[in-house]
C-alpha atoms as a PDB file:
ATOM      1  CA  MET A   1      20.346  29.850  25.411  1.00  0.00           C
ATOM      2  CA  SER A   2      19.162  28.678  28.835  1.00  0.00           C
ATOM      3  CA  GLU A   3      15.543  28.039  29.792  1.00  0.00           C
ATOM      4  CA  THR A   4      15.495  31.229  31.878  1.00  0.00           C
ATOM      5  CA  ASP A   5      16.750  33.260  28.934  1.00  0.00           C
ATOM      6  CA  LEU A   6      14.102  31.727  26.668  1.00  0.00           C
ATOM      7  CA  LEU A   7      11.473  32.740  29.225  1.00  0.00           C
ATOM      8  CA  ALA A   8      12.893  36.264  29.166  1.00  0.00           C
ATOM      9  CA  LEU A   9      12.721  36.284  25.351  1.00  0.00           C
ATOM     10  CA  GLY A  10       9.095  35.142  25.350  1.00  0.00           C
ATOM     11  CA  LEU A  11       8.161  37.658  28.035  1.00  0.00           C
ATOM     12  CA  THR A  12       9.876  40.476  26.107  1.00  0.00           C
ATOM     13  CA  LEU A  13       8.015  39.673  22.888  1.00  0.00           C
ATOM     14  CA  LYS A  14       4.738  39.360  24.793  1.00  0.00           C
ATOM     15  CA  LEU A  15       5.280  42.713  26.493  1.00  0.00           C
ATOM     16  CA  ALA A  16       6.382  44.553  23.344  1.00  0.00           C
ATOM     17  CA  THR A  17       3.538  43.147  21.234  1.00  0.00           C
ATOM     18  CA  GLY A  18       0.864  43.885  23.825  1.00  0.00           C
ATOM     19  CA  VAL A  19       2.108  47.402  24.529  1.00  0.00           C
ATOM     20  CA  THR A  20       2.331  48.200  20.803  1.00  0.00           C
ATOM     21  CA  LEU A  21      -1.225  47.042  20.091  1.00  0.00           C
ATOM     22  CA  VAL A  22      -2.718  48.886  23.057  1.00  0.00           C
ATOM     23  CA  LEU A  23      -0.773  52.110  22.450  1.00  0.00           C
ATOM     24  CA  ILE A  24      -1.643  52.254  18.753  1.00  0.00           C
ATOM     25  CA  ALA A  25      -5.325  51.742  19.609  1.00  0.00           C
ATOM     26  CA  LEU A  26      -5.178  54.505  22.233  1.00  0.00           C
ATOM     27  CA  SER A  27      -2.949  56.872  20.282  1.00  0.00           C
ATOM     28  CA  LEU A  28      -5.049  56.977  17.103  1.00  0.00           C
ATOM     29  CA  PRO A  29      -8.014  58.843  18.652  1.00  0.00           C
ATOM     30  CA  LEU A  30      -5.800  60.788  21.066  1.00  0.00           C
ATOM     31  CA  SER A  31      -3.423  61.993  18.347  1.00  0.00           C
ATOM     32  CA  PHE A  32      -6.365  62.962  16.116  1.00  0.00           C
ATOM     33  CA  PHE A  33      -7.867  64.946  18.985  1.00  0.00           C
ATOM     34  CA  LEU A  34      -4.597  66.720  19.804  1.00  0.00           C
ATOM     35  CA  ALA A  35      -3.950  67.512  16.150  1.00  0.00           C
ATOM     36  CA  HIS A  36      -7.247  69.392  15.833  1.00  0.00           C
ATOM     37  CA  TRP A  37      -7.701  70.663  19.393  1.00  0.00           C
ATOM     38  CA  GLN A  38      -7.635  74.424  19.668  1.00  0.00           C
ATOM     39  CA  SER A  39      -7.112  75.354  23.313  1.00  0.00           C
ATOM     40  CA  ARG A  40      -4.649  77.151  25.538  1.00  0.00           C
ATOM     41  CA  TRP A  41      -4.261  73.850  27.402  1.00  0.00           C
ATOM     42  CA  LYS A  42      -2.987  72.038  24.314  1.00  0.00           C
ATOM     43  CA  LEU A  43       0.638  72.926  24.999  1.00  0.00           C
ATOM     44  CA  LEU A  44       0.400  71.459  28.505  1.00  0.00           C
ATOM     45  CA  ALA A  45      -1.263  68.286  27.215  1.00  0.00           C
ATOM     46  CA  GLU A  46       1.459  67.832  24.601  1.00  0.00           C
ATOM     47  CA  ALA A  47       4.147  68.439  27.205  1.00  0.00           C
ATOM     48  CA  LEU A  48       2.683  65.812  29.541  1.00  0.00           C
ATOM     49  CA  THR A  49       2.388  63.197  26.796  1.00  0.00           C
ATOM     50  CA  THR A  50       5.953  63.897  25.651  1.00  0.00           C
ATOM     51  CA  LEU A  51       7.462  63.970  29.158  1.00  0.00           C
ATOM     52  CA  PRO A  52       8.326  60.223  29.277  1.00  0.00           C
ATOM     53  CA  LEU A  53      10.582  60.845  26.272  1.00  0.00           C
ATOM     54  CA  VAL A  54      12.963  63.052  28.278  1.00  0.00           C
ATOM     55  CA  LEU A  55      12.316  61.960  31.863  1.00  0.00           C
ATOM     56  CA  PRO A  56      15.008  59.626  33.267  1.00  0.00           C
ATOM     57  CA  PRO A  57      13.591  56.075  33.407  1.00  0.00           C
ATOM     58  CA  THR A  58      14.524  55.699  37.070  1.00  0.00           C
ATOM     59  CA  VAL A  59      12.577  58.842  37.982  1.00  0.00           C
ATOM     60  CA  LEU A  60       9.469  57.635  36.172  1.00  0.00           C
ATOM     61  CA  GLY A  61       9.960  54.162  37.635  1.00  0.00           C
ATOM     62  CA  TYR A  62      10.259  55.543  41.150  1.00  0.00           C
ATOM     63  CA  TYR A  63       7.012  57.503  40.987  1.00  0.00           C
ATOM     64  CA  LEU A  64       5.173  54.575  39.422  1.00  0.00           C
ATOM     65  CA  LEU A  65       6.556  52.250  42.090  1.00  0.00           C
ATOM     66  CA  VAL A  66       5.193  54.587  44.765  1.00  0.00           C
ATOM     67  CA  ALA A  67       1.815  54.746  42.998  1.00  0.00           C
ATOM     68  CA  PHE A  68       1.706  50.947  42.626  1.00  0.00           C
ATOM     69  CA  ALA A  69       2.384  50.338  46.338  1.00  0.00           C
ATOM     70  CA  PRO A  70      -0.323  48.309  48.146  1.00  0.00           C
ATOM     71  CA  ASP A  71      -1.119  51.217  50.485  1.00  0.00           C
ATOM     72  CA  GLN A  72      -1.724  53.696  47.629  1.00  0.00           C
ATOM     73  CA  PHE A  73      -5.012  54.247  45.798  1.00  0.00           C
ATOM     74  CA  LEU A  74      -3.895  52.760  42.473  1.00  0.00           C
ATOM     75  CA  GLY A  75      -2.270  49.742  44.074  1.00  0.00           C
ATOM     76  CA  GLN A  76      -5.230  49.172  46.400  1.00  0.00           C
ATOM     77  CA  SER A  77      -7.761  49.501  43.571  1.00  0.00           C
ATOM     78  CA  PHE A  78      -5.924  47.038  41.346  1.00  0.00           C
ATOM     79  CA  HIS A  79      -5.629  44.538  44.185  1.00  0.00           C
ATOM     80  CA  PHE A  80      -9.330  44.899  44.979  1.00  0.00           C
ATOM     81  CA  LEU A  81     -10.373  44.364  41.352  1.00  0.00           C
ATOM     82  CA  PHE A  82      -7.950  41.608  40.331  1.00  0.00           C
ATOM     83  CA  ASP A  83      -6.644  40.244  43.644  1.00  0.00           C
ATOM     84  CA  GLN A  84      -3.097  40.933  42.484  1.00  0.00           C
ATOM     85  CA  GLN A  85      -0.451  43.522  43.300  1.00  0.00           C
ATOM     86  CA  LEU A  86       0.894  45.861  40.654  1.00  0.00           C
ATOM     87  CA  ALA A  87       4.448  46.259  41.894  1.00  0.00           C
ATOM     88  CA  PHE A  88       6.784  43.414  40.851  1.00  0.00           C
ATOM     89  CA  SER A  89       4.241  41.863  38.496  1.00  0.00           C
ATOM     90  CA  PHE A  90       3.760  41.606  34.740  1.00  0.00           C
ATOM     91  CA  ALA A  91       0.714  43.870  34.971  1.00  0.00           C
ATOM     92  CA  GLY A  92       2.883  46.500  36.652  1.00  0.00           C
ATOM     93  CA  ILE A  93       5.597  46.500  33.985  1.00  0.00           C
ATOM     94  CA  PHE A  94       2.903  46.454  31.282  1.00  0.00           C
ATOM     95  CA  ILE A  95       1.259  49.629  32.613  1.00  0.00           C
ATOM     96  CA  ALA A  96       4.665  51.247  33.131  1.00  0.00           C
ATOM     97  CA  SER A  97       5.647  50.401  29.545  1.00  0.00           C
ATOM     98  CA  LEU A  98       2.427  51.950  28.244  1.00  0.00           C
ATOM     99  CA  ILE A  99       3.329  55.235  29.918  1.00  0.00           C
ATOM    100  CA  TYR A 100       7.022  55.111  29.026  1.00  0.00           C
ATOM    101  CA  SER A 101       6.489  54.272  25.337  1.00  0.00           C
ATOM    102  CA  LEU A 102       3.492  56.578  24.777  1.00  0.00           C
ATOM    103  CA  PRO A 103       5.429  59.352  22.955  1.00  0.00           C
ATOM    104  CA  PHE A 104       6.813  56.877  20.412  1.00  0.00           C
ATOM    105  CA  ALA A 105       3.288  55.961  19.332  1.00  0.00           C
ATOM    106  CA  LEU A 106       1.589  59.325  19.805  1.00  0.00           C
ATOM    107  CA  ARG A 107       3.991  61.859  18.299  1.00  0.00           C
ATOM    108  CA  PRO A 108       4.351  60.347  14.767  1.00  0.00           C
ATOM    109  CA  LEU A 109       0.577  59.926  14.495  1.00  0.00           C
ATOM    110  CA  GLN A 110      -0.175  63.446  15.702  1.00  0.00           C
ATOM    111  CA  ALA A 111       2.327  64.902  13.227  1.00  0.00           C
ATOM    112  CA  ALA A 112       0.724  62.888  10.416  1.00  0.00           C
ATOM    113  CA  PHE A 113      -2.777  64.083  11.294  1.00  0.00           C
ATOM    114  CA  GLU A 114      -1.552  67.685  11.476  1.00  0.00           C
ATOM    115  CA  GLN A 115      -0.002  67.390   8.008  1.00  0.00           C
ATOM    116  CA  GLN A 116      -3.313  66.209   6.541  1.00  0.00           C
ATOM    117  CA  GLY A 117      -5.029  69.425   7.637  1.00  0.00           C
ATOM    118  CA  ARG A 118      -8.746  70.022   7.486  1.00  0.00           C
ATOM    119  CA  GLY A 119      -8.989  70.212   3.714  1.00  0.00           C
ATOM    120  CA  LEU A 120      -9.146  66.445   3.292  1.00  0.00           C
ATOM    121  CA  MET A 121     -11.838  66.144   5.964  1.00  0.00           C
ATOM    122  CA  GLU A 122     -13.907  68.944   4.419  1.00  0.00           C
ATOM    123  CA  THR A 123     -13.639  67.399   0.956  1.00  0.00           C
ATOM    124  CA  SER A 124     -14.710  64.047   2.347  1.00  0.00           C
ATOM    125  CA  ALA A 125     -17.708  65.669   4.028  1.00  0.00           C
ATOM    126  CA  LEU A 126     -18.714  67.324   0.754  1.00  0.00           C
ATOM    127  CA  LEU A 127     -18.659  63.883  -0.871  1.00  0.00           C
ATOM    128  CA  GLY A 128     -21.176  62.656   1.687  1.00  0.00           C
ATOM    129  CA  MET A 129     -18.970  60.767   4.128  1.00  0.00           C
ATOM    130  CA  ASN A 130     -19.662  60.984   7.841  1.00  0.00           C
ATOM    131  CA  PRO A 131     -16.787  61.594  10.338  1.00  0.00           C
ATOM    132  CA  THR A 132     -16.359  57.881  11.075  1.00  0.00           C
ATOM    133  CA  GLN A 133     -16.113  56.969   7.389  1.00  0.00           C
ATOM    134  CA  THR A 134     -13.705  59.845   6.832  1.00  0.00           C
ATOM    135  CA  PHE A 135     -11.445  58.674   9.646  1.00  0.00           C
ATOM    136  CA  PHE A 136     -11.243  55.015   8.626  1.00  0.00           C
ATOM    137  CA  ARG A 137     -11.546  55.258   4.820  1.00  0.00           C
ATOM    138  CA  VAL A 138      -9.700  58.501   4.105  1.00  0.00           C
ATOM    139  CA  LEU A 139      -7.413  59.582   6.947  1.00  0.00           C
ATOM    140  CA  LEU A 140      -6.032  56.210   8.053  1.00  0.00           C
ATOM    141  CA  PRO A 141      -4.915  55.129   4.553  1.00  0.00           C
ATOM    142  CA  ASN A 142      -3.175  58.491   4.143  1.00  0.00           C
ATOM    143  CA  ILE A 143      -1.249  58.213   7.413  1.00  0.00           C
ATOM    144  CA  SER A 144      -0.382  54.518   7.092  1.00  0.00           C
ATOM    145  CA  PRO A 145       3.396  55.207   6.792  1.00  0.00           C
ATOM    146  CA  ALA A 146       3.256  57.131  10.094  1.00  0.00           C
ATOM    147  CA  LEU A 147       1.199  54.314  11.591  1.00  0.00           C
ATOM    148  CA  LEU A 148       3.847  51.766  10.607  1.00  0.00           C
ATOM    149  CA  SER A 149       6.584  54.012  11.965  1.00  0.00           C
ATOM    150  CA  ALA A 150       4.749  54.487  15.274  1.00  0.00           C
ATOM    151  CA  ALA A 151       4.177  50.750  15.662  1.00  0.00           C
ATOM    152  CA  SER A 152       7.791  49.800  14.894  1.00  0.00           C
ATOM    153  CA  LEU A 153       9.218  52.512  17.164  1.00  0.00           C
ATOM    154  CA  THR A 154       6.923  51.505  20.013  1.00  0.00           C
ATOM    155  CA  PHE A 155       7.761  47.815  19.646  1.00  0.00           C
ATOM    156  CA  ALA A 156      11.520  48.398  19.480  1.00  0.00           C
ATOM    157  CA  HIS A 157      11.505  50.882  22.361  1.00  0.00           C
ATOM    158  CA  THR A 158       9.459  48.587  24.607  1.00  0.00           C
ATOM    159  CA  MET A 159      11.696  45.643  23.771  1.00  0.00           C
ATOM    160  CA  GLY A 160      14.761  47.588  24.900  1.00  0.00           C
ATOM    161  CA  GLU A 161      13.369  49.050  28.136  1.00  0.00           C
ATOM    162  CA  PHE A 162      15.521  48.564  31.205  1.00  0.00           C
ATOM    163  CA  GLY A 163      15.368  51.242  33.913  1.00  0.00           C
ATOM    164  CA  VAL A 164      11.600  51.425  34.262  1.00  0.00           C
ATOM    165  CA  ILE A 165      11.236  47.635  34.130  1.00  0.00           C
ATOM    166  CA  LEU A 166      13.885  47.100  36.787  1.00  0.00           C
ATOM    167  CA  MET A 167      12.355  49.711  39.111  1.00  0.00           C
ATOM    168  CA  ILE A 168       8.790  48.429  38.773  1.00  0.00           C
ATOM    169  CA  GLY A 169       9.276  44.706  38.278  1.00  0.00           C
ATOM    170  CA  GLY A 170      12.662  43.824  39.676  1.00  0.00           C
ATOM    171  CA  ASN A 171      14.151  40.656  38.232  1.00  0.00           C
ATOM    172  CA  ILE A 172      11.674  37.791  38.599  1.00  0.00           C
ATOM    173  CA  PRO A 173      12.189  35.014  35.982  1.00  0.00           C
ATOM    174  CA  GLY A 174       9.022  34.267  34.042  1.00  0.00           C
ATOM    175  CA  GLU A 175       7.213  37.285  35.551  1.00  0.00           C
ATOM    176  CA  THR A 176       9.208  40.497  35.085  1.00  0.00           C
ATOM    177  CA  GLN A 177      12.636  39.412  33.785  1.00  0.00           C
ATOM    178  CA  VAL A 178      12.815  40.721  30.219  1.00  0.00           C
ATOM    179  CA  LEU A 179      15.833  40.410  27.921  1.00  0.00           C
ATOM    180  CA  SER A 180      17.448  43.693  28.963  1.00  0.00           C
ATOM    181  CA  VAL A 181      17.251  42.772  32.648  1.00  0.00           C
ATOM    182  CA  ALA A 182      18.520  39.236  31.990  1.00  0.00           C
ATOM    183  CA  LEU A 183      21.435  40.702  30.021  1.00  0.00           C
ATOM    184  CA  PHE A 184      22.298  42.997  32.924  1.00  0.00           C
ATOM    185  CA  GLU A 185      22.215  40.043  35.321  1.00  0.00           C
ATOM    186  CA  HIS A 186      24.588  38.021  33.131  1.00  0.00           C
ATOM    187  CA  VAL A 187      27.052  40.908  32.933  1.00  0.00           C
ATOM    188  CA  GLU A 188      26.784  41.514  36.672  1.00  0.00           C
ATOM    189  CA  THR A 189      27.631  37.866  37.373  1.00  0.00           C
ATOM    190  CA  LEU A 190      30.438  37.848  34.750  1.00  0.00           C
ATOM    191  CA  GLN A 191      28.584  35.408  32.469  1.00  0.00           C
ATOM    192  CA  TYR A 192      29.780  37.107  29.323  1.00  0.00           C
ATOM    193  CA  GLN A 193      28.982  34.287  26.914  1.00  0.00           C
ATOM    194  CA  GLN A 194      25.309  34.269  27.923  1.00  0.00           C
ATOM    195  CA  ALA A 195      25.298  38.079  27.895  1.00  0.00           C
ATOM    196  CA  ASN A 196      26.684  38.086  24.353  1.00  0.00           C
ATOM    197  CA  GLN A 197      23.957  35.677  23.211  1.00  0.00           C
ATOM    198  CA  LEU A 198      21.229  37.921  24.608  1.00  0.00           C
ATOM    199  CA  ALA A 199      22.839  41.061  23.201  1.00  0.00           C
ATOM    200  CA  LEU A 200      23.013  39.496  19.730  1.00  0.00           C
ATOM    201  CA  THR A 201      19.399  38.354  20.079  1.00  0.00           C
ATOM    202  CA  MET A 202      18.226  41.873  20.907  1.00  0.00           C
ATOM    203  CA  LEU A 203      20.355  43.313  18.104  1.00  0.00           C
ATOM    204  CA  GLY A 204      18.877  40.855  15.614  1.00  0.00           C
ATOM    205  CA  LEU A 205      15.291  41.510  16.737  1.00  0.00           C
ATOM    206  CA  SER A 206      15.777  45.269  16.516  1.00  0.00           C
ATOM    207  CA  LEU A 207      17.286  44.953  13.034  1.00  0.00           C
ATOM    208  CA  LEU A 208      14.352  42.804  11.893  1.00  0.00           C
ATOM    209  CA  VAL A 209      11.873  45.392  13.165  1.00  0.00           C
ATOM    210  CA  VAL A 210      13.648  48.175  11.264  1.00  0.00           C
ATOM    211  CA  ILE A 211      13.904  46.145   8.042  1.00  0.00           C
ATOM    212  CA  PHE A 212      10.261  45.068   8.242  1.00  0.00           C
ATOM    213  CA  SER A 213       9.133  48.650   8.855  1.00  0.00           C
ATOM    214  CA  GLN A 214      11.141  49.964   5.894  1.00  0.00           C
ATOM    215  CA  TRP A 215       9.864  47.168   3.642  1.00  0.00           C
ATOM    216  CA  LEU A 216       6.244  47.927   4.516  1.00  0.00           C
ATOM    217  CA  GLY A 217       6.818  51.639   3.970  1.00  0.00           C
ATOM    218  CA  LYS A 218       8.319  51.075   0.495  1.00  0.00           C
ATOM    219  CA  ARG A 219       5.573  48.640  -0.401  1.00  0.00           C
ATOM    220  CA  HIS A 220       2.939  51.202   0.577  1.00  0.00           C
ATOM    221  CA  ALA A 221       4.699  53.889  -1.436  1.00  0.00           C
END
């Protein structure tokens, strides 16, 4: 594997790990809120958070690319705060990956919280626990299989992203060139041996994620 491909591997793992950690941290309170929110706007909120699951990656990437442009509010604000542009940068593909992988973290957790119902929370309150203690000491242990599933799905999905990454970040080695983009470049330039190495690497990583997730689930059970 060439030095450029190793950079792509490191960048992919960095992106997938960071996105997974941030999305799990954001999705836990958001999924709990959606699971217990009673409002006519709930259906719209669920539709918006699920939209990246069915929206073509190039469509999402296009709109994000427009929003990240230096002459747009989001792009201008980011440049003012960090003196860096969002488009064609690691920060840009990181934010795009957060949006694109959100349903894979949010939906399993919301379904798990909905299955718990209010009975467990009411029982915990009767035993003298406050809402914070109930969330961390009662609810989280009960939804740990869903938490593991959400984390593994998010990691694997982020690792395999292509369309959104290419639209937002292009193909800059060491900055935005992840494994999927590097694989596409090798195929495009007829470098099939290098492409096969990257494809096997991604296949192996994905298999390890699935095996690890199943092992943790069985151990918890």
